[in-house]
Every structure is written in C-alpha cells, then in structure tokens.
Amino acid sequence: MGERQRNSVGTSLRGCIRDILDGGFPIDRVDRIYASTAFATREELIGYLTAGKTTQKERMAQIAGRLWDNGKIVQPRMDGGEMPDFPVTELWVRLPPKTPAPIRPTKPLF
C-alpha cells in the first residue's frame, strides 16, 4: 500500500479535503480528519468549506458530506477538548498498525 495506508489521520480539514479533491489521497484510506472547527451540522461544515473562490464546490461538498456522514471528521472543540499535537509539516499522519491485545486469563488456569 505504500507510504499512505488506510490508517492515516488528517491534520487539516481544508488541506485534507483539498488533497482528496485533487486526487492526492484516496478517500477510502482516511481513518479520520481532525478539525479545529466546531460545526454542529453537516450544512455548517459544507458552507464553511465551499465559501470563497473554490471552483469545485459541488465535489468538495460531496467529499465533506461523505466524511461527515461516516464520522470521519473529528472536532475536539465540540467536547471541550483540544487538537492533538501533530507535526506541522505533515498533512497526513500514519497511525501505528493495530495489534491485538494480549490474551489474559480472567481467572487462574489451575
């Protein structure tokens, strides 16, 4: 799968959606995108992203809507939290592969 794997986390809402829009990153490999926004509705999010000089508003709205509907946009401020500290130069951060938890007996074996 290369450098960008399914378990990639986006560090910038606009930047990541633009990267997906431009074909730089496949939407099906997004684990989640962290956003410093606090939108209560899908419509607020899409309005924010499509405001301005965006030439591909409809496609951007489709991408943002799909990510929103699938719970891929995380807004820590909505719960009083803060954004994680990401490397400022990275648009996508790979998470370590998930490893199964070790099996521990709940009671003595003998």
PDB file of N, CA and C in Angstrom:
ATOM      1  N   MET A   1       0.804  -1.190   0.000  1.00  0.00           N
ATOM      2  CA  MET A   1       0.000   0.000   0.000  1.00  0.00           C
ATOM      3  C   MET A   1       0.850   1.257   0.000  1.00  0.00           C
ATOM      4  N   GLY A   2       2.085   1.130   0.280  1.00  0.00           N
ATOM      5  CA  GLY A   2       2.962   2.286   0.227  1.00  0.00           C
ATOM      6  C   GLY A   2       2.930   3.121   1.486  1.00  0.00           C
ATOM      7  N   GLU A   3       3.383   4.353   1.330  1.00  0.00           N
ATOM      8  CA  GLU A   3       3.539   5.270   2.459  1.00  0.00           C
ATOM      9  C   GLU A   3       2.208   5.653   3.094  1.00  0.00           C
ATOM     10  N   ARG A   4       1.178   5.827   2.306  1.00  0.00           N
ATOM     11  CA  ARG A   4      -0.116   6.279   2.826  1.00  0.00           C
ATOM     12  C   ARG A   4      -1.034   5.081   2.978  1.00  0.00           C
ATOM     13  N   GLN A   5      -1.245   4.685   4.191  1.00  0.00           N
ATOM     14  CA  GLN A   5      -2.038   3.494   4.441  1.00  0.00           C
ATOM     15  C   GLN A   5      -3.419   3.856   4.944  1.00  0.00           C
ATOM     16  N   ARG A   6      -4.269   2.839   5.002  1.00  0.00           N
ATOM     17  CA  ARG A   6      -5.660   3.032   5.404  1.00  0.00           C
ATOM     18  C   ARG A   6      -5.774   3.753   6.746  1.00  0.00           C
ATOM     19  N   ASN A   7      -4.850   3.536   7.629  1.00  0.00           N
ATOM     20  CA  ASN A   7      -4.945   4.126   8.961  1.00  0.00           C
ATOM     21  C   ASN A   7      -4.260   5.488   9.025  1.00  0.00           C
ATOM     22  N   SER A   8      -4.559   6.352   8.050  1.00  0.00           N
ATOM     23  CA  SER A   8      -3.990   7.694   8.055  1.00  0.00           C
ATOM     24  C   SER A   8      -4.970   8.693   8.649  1.00  0.00           C
ATOM     25  N   VAL A   9      -4.404   9.625   9.391  1.00  0.00           N
ATOM     26  CA  VAL A   9      -5.187  10.660  10.058  1.00  0.00           C
ATOM     27  C   VAL A   9      -4.807  11.996   9.438  1.00  0.00           C
ATOM     28  N   GLY A  10      -5.834  12.769   9.089  1.00  0.00           N
ATOM     29  CA  GLY A  10      -5.605  14.094   8.537  1.00  0.00           C
ATOM     30  C   GLY A  10      -5.436  15.124   9.627  1.00  0.00           C
ATOM     31  N   THR A  11      -4.584  16.110   9.363  1.00  0.00           N
ATOM     32  CA  THR A  11      -4.273  17.119  10.376  1.00  0.00           C
ATOM     33  C   THR A  11      -4.835  18.504  10.046  1.00  0.00           C
ATOM     34  N   SER A  12      -5.478  18.648   8.890  1.00  0.00           N
ATOM     35  CA  SER A  12      -6.034  19.930   8.473  1.00  0.00           C
ATOM     36  C   SER A  12      -7.288  19.664   7.653  1.00  0.00           C
ATOM     37  N   LEU A  13      -8.410  20.161   8.095  1.00  0.00           N
ATOM     38  CA  LEU A  13      -9.667  19.880   7.418  1.00  0.00           C
ATOM     39  C   LEU A  13      -9.641  20.354   5.965  1.00  0.00           C
ATOM     40  N   ARG A  14      -9.395  21.621   5.752  1.00  0.00           N
ATOM     41  CA  ARG A  14      -9.363  22.147   4.386  1.00  0.00           C
ATOM     42  C   ARG A  14      -8.268  21.491   3.553  1.00  0.00           C
ATOM     43  N   GLY A  15      -7.086  21.373   4.119  1.00  0.00           N
ATOM     44  CA  GLY A  15      -5.959  20.799   3.380  1.00  0.00           C
ATOM     45  C   GLY A  15      -6.212  19.361   2.967  1.00  0.00           C
ATOM     46  N   CYS A  16      -6.770  18.572   3.868  1.00  0.00           N
ATOM     47  CA  CYS A  16      -7.024  17.164   3.564  1.00  0.00           C
ATOM     48  C   CYS A  16      -8.127  17.002   2.528  1.00  0.00           C
ATOM     49  N   ILE A  17      -9.182  17.783   2.667  1.00  0.00           N
ATOM     50  CA  ILE A  17     -10.263  17.687   1.684  1.00  0.00           C
ATOM     51  C   ILE A  17      -9.766  18.144   0.316  1.00  0.00           C
ATOM     52  N   ARG A  18      -8.943  19.156   0.281  1.00  0.00           N
ATOM     53  CA  ARG A  18      -8.341  19.608  -0.980  1.00  0.00           C
ATOM     54  C   ARG A  18      -7.453  18.501  -1.566  1.00  0.00           C
ATOM     55  N   ASP A  19      -6.685  17.824  -0.733  1.00  0.00           N
ATOM     56  CA  ASP A  19      -5.809  16.734  -1.193  1.00  0.00           C
ATOM     57  C   ASP A  19      -6.641  15.590  -1.784  1.00  0.00           C
ATOM     58  N   ILE A  20      -7.740  15.253  -1.132  1.00  0.00           N
ATOM     59  CA  ILE A  20      -8.639  14.220  -1.652  1.00  0.00           C
ATOM     60  C   ILE A  20      -9.252  14.694  -2.967  1.00  0.00           C
ATOM     61  N   LEU A  21      -9.706  15.927  -3.008  1.00  0.00           N
ATOM     62  CA  LEU A  21     -10.323  16.513  -4.194  1.00  0.00           C
ATOM     63  C   LEU A  21      -9.373  16.502  -5.387  1.00  0.00           C
ATOM     64  N   ASP A  22      -8.113  16.817  -5.137  1.00  0.00           N
ATOM     65  CA  ASP A  22      -7.107  16.878  -6.211  1.00  0.00           C
ATOM     66  C   ASP A  22      -6.546  15.513  -6.586  1.00  0.00           C
ATOM     67  N   GLY A  23      -7.004  14.448  -5.903  1.00  0.00           N
ATOM     68  CA  GLY A  23      -6.534  13.109  -6.227  1.00  0.00           C
ATOM     69  C   GLY A  23      -5.239  12.722  -5.537  1.00  0.00           C
ATOM     70  N   GLY A  24      -4.784  13.517  -4.584  1.00  0.00           N
ATOM     71  CA  GLY A  24      -3.534  13.231  -3.889  1.00  0.00           C
ATOM     72  C   GLY A  24      -3.664  12.184  -2.794  1.00  0.00           C
ATOM     73  N   PHE A  25      -4.898  11.943  -2.355  1.00  0.00           N
ATOM     74  CA  PHE A  25      -5.104  10.961  -1.291  1.00  0.00           C
ATOM     75  C   PHE A  25      -6.472  10.319  -1.477  1.00  0.00           C
ATOM     76  N   PRO A  26      -6.543   8.990  -1.467  1.00  0.00           N
ATOM     77  CA  PRO A  26      -7.835   8.315  -1.653  1.00  0.00           C
ATOM     78  C   PRO A  26      -8.728   8.424  -0.416  1.00  0.00           C
ATOM     79  N   ILE A  27      -9.960   8.794  -0.629  1.00  0.00           N
ATOM     80  CA  ILE A  27     -10.901   8.985   0.478  1.00  0.00           C
ATOM     81  C   ILE A  27     -11.116   7.706   1.276  1.00  0.00           C
ATOM     82  N   ASP A  28     -10.999   6.553   0.626  1.00  0.00           N
ATOM     83  CA  ASP A  28     -11.243   5.302   1.343  1.00  0.00           C
ATOM     84  C   ASP A  28     -10.097   4.908   2.270  1.00  0.00           C
ATOM     85  N   ARG A  29      -9.020   5.677   2.267  1.00  0.00           N
ATOM     86  CA  ARG A  29      -7.907   5.412   3.181  1.00  0.00           C
ATOM     87  C   ARG A  29      -7.861   6.374   4.359  1.00  0.00           C
ATOM     88  N   VAL A  30      -8.905   7.176   4.505  1.00  0.00           N
ATOM     89  CA  VAL A  30      -8.974   8.131   5.615  1.00  0.00           C
ATOM     90  C   VAL A  30      -9.535   7.427   6.847  1.00  0.00           C
ATOM     91  N   ASP A  31      -8.760   7.418   7.916  1.00  0.00           N
ATOM     92  CA  ASP A  31      -9.270   6.908   9.193  1.00  0.00           C
ATOM     93  C   ASP A  31     -10.122   7.987   9.849  1.00  0.00           C
ATOM     94  N   ARG A  32      -9.578   9.203   9.887  1.00  0.00           N
ATOM     95  CA  ARG A  32     -10.302  10.367  10.389  1.00  0.00           C
ATOM     96  C   ARG A  32      -9.494  11.620  10.079  1.00  0.00           C
ATOM     97  N   ILE A  33     -10.171  12.753  10.133  1.00  0.00           N
ATOM     98  CA  ILE A  33      -9.525  14.052   9.948  1.00  0.00           C
ATOM     99  C   ILE A  33      -9.853  14.893  11.168  1.00  0.00           C
ATOM    100  N   TYR A  34      -8.824  15.393  11.816  1.00  0.00           N
ATOM    101  CA  TYR A  34      -9.032  16.284  12.962  1.00  0.00           C
ATOM    102  C   TYR A  34      -9.227  17.704  12.451  1.00  0.00           C
ATOM    103  N   ALA A  35     -10.217  18.379  13.001  1.00  0.00           N
ATOM    104  CA  ALA A  35     -10.532  19.748  12.607  1.00  0.00           C
ATOM    105  C   ALA A  35     -10.615  20.626  13.846  1.00  0.00           C
ATOM    106  N   SER A  36     -10.075  21.824  13.738  1.00  0.00           N
ATOM    107  CA  SER A  36     -10.134  22.762  14.865  1.00  0.00           C
ATOM    108  C   SER A  36     -11.437  23.546  14.839  1.00  0.00           C
ATOM    109  N   THR A  37     -12.397  23.064  14.063  1.00  0.00           N
ATOM    110  CA  THR A  37     -13.698  23.707  13.932  1.00  0.00           C
ATOM    111  C   THR A  37     -14.658  23.215  15.004  1.00  0.00           C
ATOM    112  N   ALA A  38     -15.839  23.821  15.030  1.00  0.00           N
ATOM    113  CA  ALA A  38     -16.881  23.386  15.971  1.00  0.00           C
ATOM    114  C   ALA A  38     -18.238  23.534  15.288  1.00  0.00           C
ATOM    115  N   PHE A  39     -18.427  22.788  14.212  1.00  0.00           N
ATOM    116  CA  PHE A  39     -19.684  22.834  13.480  1.00  0.00           C
ATOM    117  C   PHE A  39     -20.654  21.815  14.050  1.00  0.00           C
ATOM    118  N   ALA A  40     -21.883  22.250  14.276  1.00  0.00           N
ATOM    119  CA  ALA A  40     -22.895  21.358  14.832  1.00  0.00           C
ATOM    120  C   ALA A  40     -23.601  20.555  13.740  1.00  0.00           C
ATOM    121  N   THR A  41     -23.583  21.079  12.519  1.00  0.00           N
ATOM    122  CA  THR A  41     -24.303  20.398  11.444  1.00  0.00           C
ATOM    123  C   THR A  41     -23.432  20.205  10.214  1.00  0.00           C
ATOM    124  N   ARG A  42     -23.855  19.257   9.417  1.00  0.00           N
ATOM    125  CA  ARG A  42     -23.207  18.972   8.138  1.00  0.00           C
ATOM    126  C   ARG A  42     -23.260  20.214   7.236  1.00  0.00           C
ATOM    127  N   GLU A  43     -24.377  20.909   7.244  1.00  0.00           N
ATOM    128  CA  GLU A  43     -24.574  22.080   6.396  1.00  0.00           C
ATOM    129  C   GLU A  43     -23.610  23.207   6.765  1.00  0.00           C
ATOM    130  N   GLU A  44     -23.381  23.400   8.072  1.00  0.00           N
ATOM    131  CA  GLU A  44     -22.411  24.417   8.505  1.00  0.00           C
ATOM    132  C   GLU A  44     -21.022  24.086   7.981  1.00  0.00           C
ATOM    133  N   LEU A  45     -20.641  22.826   8.108  1.00  0.00           N
ATOM    134  CA  LEU A  45     -19.333  22.379   7.643  1.00  0.00           C
ATOM    135  C   LEU A  45     -19.181  22.630   6.152  1.00  0.00           C
ATOM    136  N   ILE A  46     -20.152  22.191   5.379  1.00  0.00           N
ATOM    137  CA  ILE A  46     -20.073  22.334   3.923  1.00  0.00           C
ATOM    138  C   ILE A  46     -20.075  23.807   3.522  1.00  0.00           C
ATOM    139  N   GLY A  47     -20.877  24.623   4.190  1.00  0.00           N
ATOM    140  CA  GLY A  47     -20.890  26.058   3.916  1.00  0.00           C
ATOM    141  C   GLY A  47     -19.526  26.691   4.141  1.00  0.00           C
ATOM    142  N   TYR A  48     -18.875  26.308   5.213  1.00  0.00           N
ATOM    143  CA  TYR A  48     -17.536  26.809   5.538  1.00  0.00           C
ATOM    144  C   TYR A  48     -16.531  26.412   4.461  1.00  0.00           C
ATOM    145  N   LEU A  49     -16.563  25.145   4.073  1.00  0.00           N
ATOM    146  CA  LEU A  49     -15.578  24.645   3.111  1.00  0.00           C
ATOM    147  C   LEU A  49     -15.780  25.175   1.699  1.00  0.00           C
ATOM    148  N   THR A  50     -17.015  25.450   1.322  1.00  0.00           N
ATOM    149  CA  THR A  50     -17.277  25.877  -0.052  1.00  0.00           C
ATOM    150  C   THR A  50     -17.351  27.388  -0.207  1.00  0.00           C
ATOM    151  N   ALA A  51     -17.184  28.125   0.885  1.00  0.00           N
ATOM    152  CA  ALA A  51     -17.173  29.589   0.799  1.00  0.00           C
ATOM    153  C   ALA A  51     -15.894  30.050   0.114  1.00  0.00           C
ATOM    154  N   GLY A  52     -15.983  31.142  -0.607  1.00  0.00           N
ATOM    155  CA  GLY A  52     -14.788  31.702  -1.223  1.00  0.00           C
ATOM    156  C   GLY A  52     -14.630  31.319  -2.682  1.00  0.00           C
ATOM    157  N   LYS A  53     -13.386  31.263  -3.113  1.00  0.00           N
ATOM    158  CA  LYS A  53     -13.074  31.103  -4.525  1.00  0.00           C
ATOM    159  C   LYS A  53     -12.928  29.645  -4.977  1.00  0.00           C
ATOM    160  N   THR A  54     -13.535  28.741  -4.283  1.00  0.00           N
ATOM    161  CA  THR A  54     -13.443  27.333  -4.644  1.00  0.00           C
ATOM    162  C   THR A  54     -14.164  27.099  -5.962  1.00  0.00           C
ATOM    163  N   THR A  55     -13.478  26.478  -6.917  1.00  0.00           N
ATOM    164  CA  THR A  55     -14.069  26.235  -8.230  1.00  0.00           C
ATOM    165  C   THR A  55     -14.817  24.910  -8.294  1.00  0.00           C
ATOM    166  N   GLN A  56     -14.565  24.017  -7.378  1.00  0.00           N
ATOM    167  CA  GLN A  56     -15.189  22.699  -7.389  1.00  0.00           C
ATOM    168  C   GLN A  56     -16.078  22.518  -6.156  1.00  0.00           C
ATOM    169  N   LYS A  57     -16.966  23.457  -5.946  1.00  0.00           N
ATOM    170  CA  LYS A  57     -17.801  23.466  -4.741  1.00  0.00           C
ATOM    171  C   LYS A  57     -18.644  22.208  -4.600  1.00  0.00           C
ATOM    172  N   GLU A  58     -19.235  21.739  -5.671  1.00  0.00           N
ATOM    173  CA  GLU A  58     -20.112  20.568  -5.591  1.00  0.00           C
ATOM    174  C   GLU A  58     -19.325  19.321  -5.188  1.00  0.00           C
ATOM    175  N   ARG A  59     -18.175  19.111  -5.809  1.00  0.00           N
ATOM    176  CA  ARG A  59     -17.348  17.941  -5.482  1.00  0.00           C
ATOM    177  C   ARG A  59     -16.823  18.042  -4.049  1.00  0.00           C
ATOM    178  N   MET A  60     -16.415  19.242  -3.639  1.00  0.00           N
ATOM    179  CA  MET A  60     -15.929  19.437  -2.271  1.00  0.00           C
ATOM    180  C   MET A  60     -17.038  19.142  -1.267  1.00  0.00           C
ATOM    181  N   ALA A  61     -18.252  19.577  -1.578  1.00  0.00           N
ATOM    182  CA  ALA A  61     -19.399  19.319  -0.703  1.00  0.00           C
ATOM    183  C   ALA A  61     -19.673  17.820  -0.607  1.00  0.00           C
ATOM    184  N   GLN A  62     -19.535  17.098  -1.721  1.00  0.00           N
ATOM    185  CA  GLN A  62     -19.741  15.647  -1.712  1.00  0.00           C
ATOM    186  C   GLN A  62     -18.712  14.951  -0.824  1.00  0.00           C
ATOM    187  N   ILE A  63     -17.451  15.334  -0.959  1.00  0.00           N
ATOM    188  CA  ILE A  63     -16.377  14.723  -0.160  1.00  0.00           C
ATOM    189  C   ILE A  63     -16.594  15.020   1.319  1.00  0.00           C
ATOM    190  N   ALA A  64     -16.830  16.295   1.637  1.00  0.00           N
ATOM    191  CA  ALA A  64     -17.031  16.681   3.037  1.00  0.00           C
ATOM    192  C   ALA A  64     -18.256  15.986   3.618  1.00  0.00           C
ATOM    193  N   GLY A  65     -19.333  15.909   2.850  1.00  0.00           N
ATOM    194  CA  GLY A  65     -20.546  15.244   3.317  1.00  0.00           C
ATOM    195  C   GLY A  65     -20.322  13.770   3.584  1.00  0.00           C
ATOM    196  N   ARG A  66     -19.595  13.119   2.708  1.00  0.00           N
ATOM    197  CA  ARG A  66     -19.305  11.686   2.898  1.00  0.00           C
ATOM    198  C   ARG A  66     -18.473  11.463   4.160  1.00  0.00           C
ATOM    199  N   LEU A  67     -17.447  12.281   4.344  1.00  0.00           N
ATOM    200  CA  LEU A  67     -16.606  12.149   5.545  1.00  0.00           C
ATOM    201  C   LEU A  67     -17.426  12.420   6.809  1.00  0.00           C
ATOM    202  N   TRP A  68     -18.269  13.448   6.782  1.00  0.00           N
ATOM    203  CA  TRP A  68     -19.122  13.796   7.924  1.00  0.00           C
ATOM    204  C   TRP A  68     -20.069  12.643   8.235  1.00  0.00           C
ATOM    205  N   ASP A  69     -20.746  12.148   7.197  1.00  0.00           N
ATOM    206  CA  ASP A  69     -21.744  11.086   7.384  1.00  0.00           C
ATOM    207  C   ASP A  69     -21.133   9.802   7.942  1.00  0.00           C
ATOM    208  N   ASN A  70     -19.866   9.563   7.624  1.00  0.00           N
ATOM    209  CA  ASN A  70     -19.182   8.361   8.096  1.00  0.00           C
ATOM    210  C   ASN A  70     -18.416   8.582   9.401  1.00  0.00           C
ATOM    211  N   GLY A  71     -18.613   9.739  10.027  1.00  0.00           N
ATOM    212  CA  GLY A  71     -17.970  10.012  11.315  1.00  0.00           C
ATOM    213  C   GLY A  71     -16.464  10.169  11.227  1.00  0.00           C
ATOM    214  N   LYS A  72     -15.970  10.602  10.080  1.00  0.00           N
ATOM    215  CA  LYS A  72     -14.525  10.710   9.875  1.00  0.00           C
ATOM    216  C   LYS A  72     -13.970  12.086  10.235  1.00  0.00           C
ATOM    217  N   ILE A  73     -14.843  13.049  10.488  1.00  0.00           N
ATOM    218  CA  ILE A  73     -14.374  14.384  10.862  1.00  0.00           C
ATOM    219  C   ILE A  73     -14.516  14.523  12.372  1.00  0.00           C
ATOM    220  N   VAL A  74     -13.380  14.685  13.034  1.00  0.00           N
ATOM    221  CA  VAL A  74     -13.334  14.780  14.493  1.00  0.00           C
ATOM    222  C   VAL A  74     -13.085  16.239  14.861  1.00  0.00           C
ATOM    223  N   GLN A  75     -13.971  16.773  15.696  1.00  0.00           N
ATOM    224  CA  GLN A  75     -13.862  18.160  16.146  1.00  0.00           C
ATOM    225  C   GLN A  75     -13.716  18.180  17.667  1.00  0.00           C
ATOM    226  N   PRO A  76     -12.500  18.095  18.179  1.00  0.00           N
ATOM    227  CA  PRO A  76     -12.312  18.035  19.637  1.00  0.00           C
ATOM    228  C   PRO A  76     -12.952  19.200  20.388  1.00  0.00           C
ATOM    229  N   ARG A  77     -13.038  20.367  19.775  1.00  0.00           N
ATOM    230  CA  ARG A  77     -13.622  21.536  20.438  1.00  0.00           C
ATOM    231  C   ARG A  77     -15.098  21.341  20.769  1.00  0.00           C
ATOM    232  N   MET A  78     -15.770  20.451  20.043  1.00  0.00           N
ATOM    233  CA  MET A  78     -17.190  20.199  20.307  1.00  0.00           C
ATOM    234  C   MET A  78     -17.406  19.596  21.691  1.00  0.00           C
ATOM    235  N   ASP A  79     -16.390  18.938  22.203  1.00  0.00           N
ATOM    236  CA  ASP A  79     -16.476  18.309  23.528  1.00  0.00           C
ATOM    237  C   ASP A  79     -15.591  19.012  24.552  1.00  0.00           C
ATOM    238  N   GLY A  80     -15.165  20.228  24.242  1.00  0.00           N
ATOM    239  CA  GLY A  80     -14.308  20.975  25.156  1.00  0.00           C
ATOM    240  C   GLY A  80     -12.855  20.539  25.130  1.00  0.00           C
ATOM    241  N   GLY A  81     -12.486  19.745  24.143  1.00  0.00           N
ATOM    242  CA  GLY A  81     -11.109  19.265  24.031  1.00  0.00           C
ATOM    243  C   GLY A  81     -10.248  20.169  23.172  1.00  0.00           C
ATOM    244  N   GLU A  82      -9.034  19.721  22.960  1.00  0.00           N
ATOM    245  CA  GLU A  82      -8.080  20.462  22.146  1.00  0.00           C
ATOM    246  C   GLU A  82      -7.575  19.567  21.024  1.00  0.00           C
ATOM    247  N   MET A  83      -7.051  20.209  19.998  1.00  0.00           N
ATOM    248  CA  MET A  83      -6.471  19.470  18.885  1.00  0.00           C
ATOM    249  C   MET A  83      -5.209  18.735  19.355  1.00  0.00           C
ATOM    250  N   PRO A  84      -4.991  17.527  18.845  1.00  0.00           N
ATOM    251  CA  PRO A  84      -3.738  16.832  19.150  1.00  0.00           C
ATOM    252  C   PRO A  84      -2.557  17.598  18.551  1.00  0.00           C
ATOM    253  N   ASP A  85      -1.395  17.389  19.102  1.00  0.00           N
ATOM    254  CA  ASP A  85      -0.179  17.999  18.556  1.00  0.00           C
ATOM    255  C   ASP A  85       0.322  17.135  17.409  1.00  0.00           C
ATOM    256  N   PHE A  86       0.189  17.652  16.198  1.00  0.00           N
ATOM    257  CA  PHE A  86       0.674  16.954  15.013  1.00  0.00           C
ATOM    258  C   PHE A  86       1.910  17.662  14.488  1.00  0.00           C
ATOM    259  N   PRO A  87       2.759  16.923  13.767  1.00  0.00           N
ATOM    260  CA  PRO A  87       3.879  17.605  13.091  1.00  0.00           C
ATOM    261  C   PRO A  87       3.302  18.624  12.107  1.00  0.00           C
ATOM    262  N   VAL A  88       3.718  19.865  12.205  1.00  0.00           N
ATOM    263  CA  VAL A  88       3.119  20.921  11.394  1.00  0.00           C
ATOM    264  C   VAL A  88       3.377  20.751   9.899  1.00  0.00           C
ATOM    265  N   THR A  89       4.353  19.965   9.523  1.00  0.00           N
ATOM    266  CA  THR A  89       4.661  19.791   8.108  1.00  0.00           C
ATOM    267  C   THR A  89       3.899  18.633   7.472  1.00  0.00           C
ATOM    268  N   GLU A  90       3.197  17.851   8.258  1.00  0.00           N
ATOM    269  CA  GLU A  90       2.517  16.672   7.733  1.00  0.00           C
ATOM    270  C   GLU A  90       1.017  16.909   7.593  1.00  0.00           C
ATOM    271  N   LEU A  91       0.493  16.668   6.390  1.00  0.00           N
ATOM    272  CA  LEU A  91      -0.935  16.762   6.164  1.00  0.00           C
ATOM    273  C   LEU A  91      -1.624  15.475   6.600  1.00  0.00           C
ATOM    274  N   TRP A  92      -0.949  14.350   6.390  1.00  0.00           N
ATOM    275  CA  TRP A  92      -1.459  13.034   6.783  1.00  0.00           C
ATOM    276  C   TRP A  92      -0.463  12.367   7.702  1.00  0.00           C
ATOM    277  N   VAL A  93      -0.940  11.783   8.778  1.00  0.00           N
ATOM    278  CA  VAL A  93      -0.094  11.084   9.747  1.00  0.00           C
ATOM    279  C   VAL A  93      -0.561   9.638   9.797  1.00  0.00           C
ATOM    280  N   ARG A  94       0.375   8.737   9.632  1.00  0.00           N
ATOM    281  CA  ARG A  94       0.031   7.315   9.713  1.00  0.00           C
ATOM    282  C   ARG A  94      -0.004   6.883  11.159  1.00  0.00           C
ATOM    283  N   LEU A  95      -1.042   6.149  11.489  1.00  0.00           N
ATOM    284  CA  LEU A  95      -1.134   5.560  12.818  1.00  0.00           C
ATOM    285  C   LEU A  95      -0.368   4.248  12.822  1.00  0.00           C
ATOM    286  N   PRO A  96       0.160   3.853  13.973  1.00  0.00           N
ATOM    287  CA  PRO A  96       0.810   2.543  14.019  1.00  0.00           C
ATOM    288  C   PRO A  96      -0.217   1.457  13.743  1.00  0.00           C
ATOM    289  N   PRO A  97       0.211   0.352  13.166  1.00  0.00           N
ATOM    290  CA  PRO A  97      -0.738  -0.739  12.908  1.00  0.00           C
ATOM    291  C   PRO A  97      -1.371  -1.215  14.201  1.00  0.00           C
ATOM    292  N   LYS A  98      -2.622  -1.609  14.089  1.00  0.00           N
ATOM    293  CA  LYS A  98      -3.326  -2.117  15.265  1.00  0.00           C
ATOM    294  C   LYS A  98      -2.829  -3.522  15.565  1.00  0.00           C
ATOM    295  N   THR A  99      -2.508  -3.732  16.819  1.00  0.00           N
ATOM    296  CA  THR A  99      -2.074  -5.068  17.230  1.00  0.00           C
ATOM    297  C   THR A  99      -3.098  -5.608  18.214  1.00  0.00           C
ATOM    298  N   PRO A 100      -3.388  -6.882  18.119  1.00  0.00           N
ATOM    299  CA  PRO A 100      -4.369  -7.430  19.055  1.00  0.00           C
ATOM    300  C   PRO A 100      -3.849  -7.376  20.486  1.00  0.00           C
ATOM    301  N   ALA A 101      -4.750  -7.149  21.400  1.00  0.00           N
ATOM    302  CA  ALA A 101      -4.387  -7.127  22.817  1.00  0.00           C
ATOM    303  C   ALA A 101      -3.994  -8.538  23.250  1.00  0.00           C
ATOM    304  N   PRO A 102      -3.015  -8.635  24.131  1.00  0.00           N
ATOM    305  CA  PRO A 102      -2.646  -9.970  24.612  1.00  0.00           C
ATOM    306  C   PRO A 102      -3.807 -10.613  25.371  1.00  0.00           C
ATOM    307  N   ILE A 103      -3.906 -11.900  25.240  1.00  0.00           N
ATOM    308  CA  ILE A 103      -4.960 -12.630  25.941  1.00  0.00           C
ATOM    309  C   ILE A 103      -4.499 -12.888  27.369  1.00  0.00           C
ATOM    310  N   ARG A 104      -5.312 -12.435  28.295  1.00  0.00           N
ATOM    311  CA  ARG A 104      -5.006 -12.635  29.711  1.00  0.00           C
ATOM    312  C   ARG A 104      -6.161 -13.408  30.344  1.00  0.00           C
ATOM    313  N   PRO A 105      -5.862 -14.456  31.023  1.00  0.00           N
ATOM    314  CA  PRO A 105      -6.949 -15.204  31.660  1.00  0.00           C
ATOM    315  C   PRO A 105      -7.616 -14.351  32.743  1.00  0.00           C
ATOM    316  N   THR A 106      -8.916 -14.482  32.840  1.00  0.00           N
ATOM    317  CA  THR A 106      -9.655 -13.738  33.850  1.00  0.00           C
ATOM    318  C   THR A 106      -9.645 -14.434  35.203  1.00  0.00           C
ATOM    319  N   LYS A 107      -9.304 -15.691  35.202  1.00  0.00           N
ATOM    320  CA  LYS A 107      -9.194 -16.451  36.478  1.00  0.00           C
ATOM    321  C   LYS A 107      -8.029 -17.420  36.325  1.00  0.00           C
ATOM    322  N   PRO A 108      -7.506 -17.902  37.397  1.00  0.00           N
ATOM    323  CA  PRO A 108      -6.377 -18.824  37.314  1.00  0.00           C
ATOM    324  C   PRO A 108      -6.723 -20.029  36.450  1.00  0.00           C
ATOM    325  N   LEU A 109      -5.743 -20.478  35.695  1.00  0.00           N
ATOM    326  CA  LEU A 109      -5.951 -21.632  34.816  1.00  0.00           C
ATOM    327  C   LEU A 109      -6.020 -22.931  35.602  1.00  0.00           C
ATOM    328  N   PHE A 110      -5.335 -23.017  36.746  1.00  0.00           N
ATOM    329  CA  PHE A 110      -5.308 -24.271  37.524  1.00  0.00           C
ATOM    330  C   PHE A 110      -5.732 -24.015  38.944  1.00  0.00           C
TER     331      PHE A 110
END
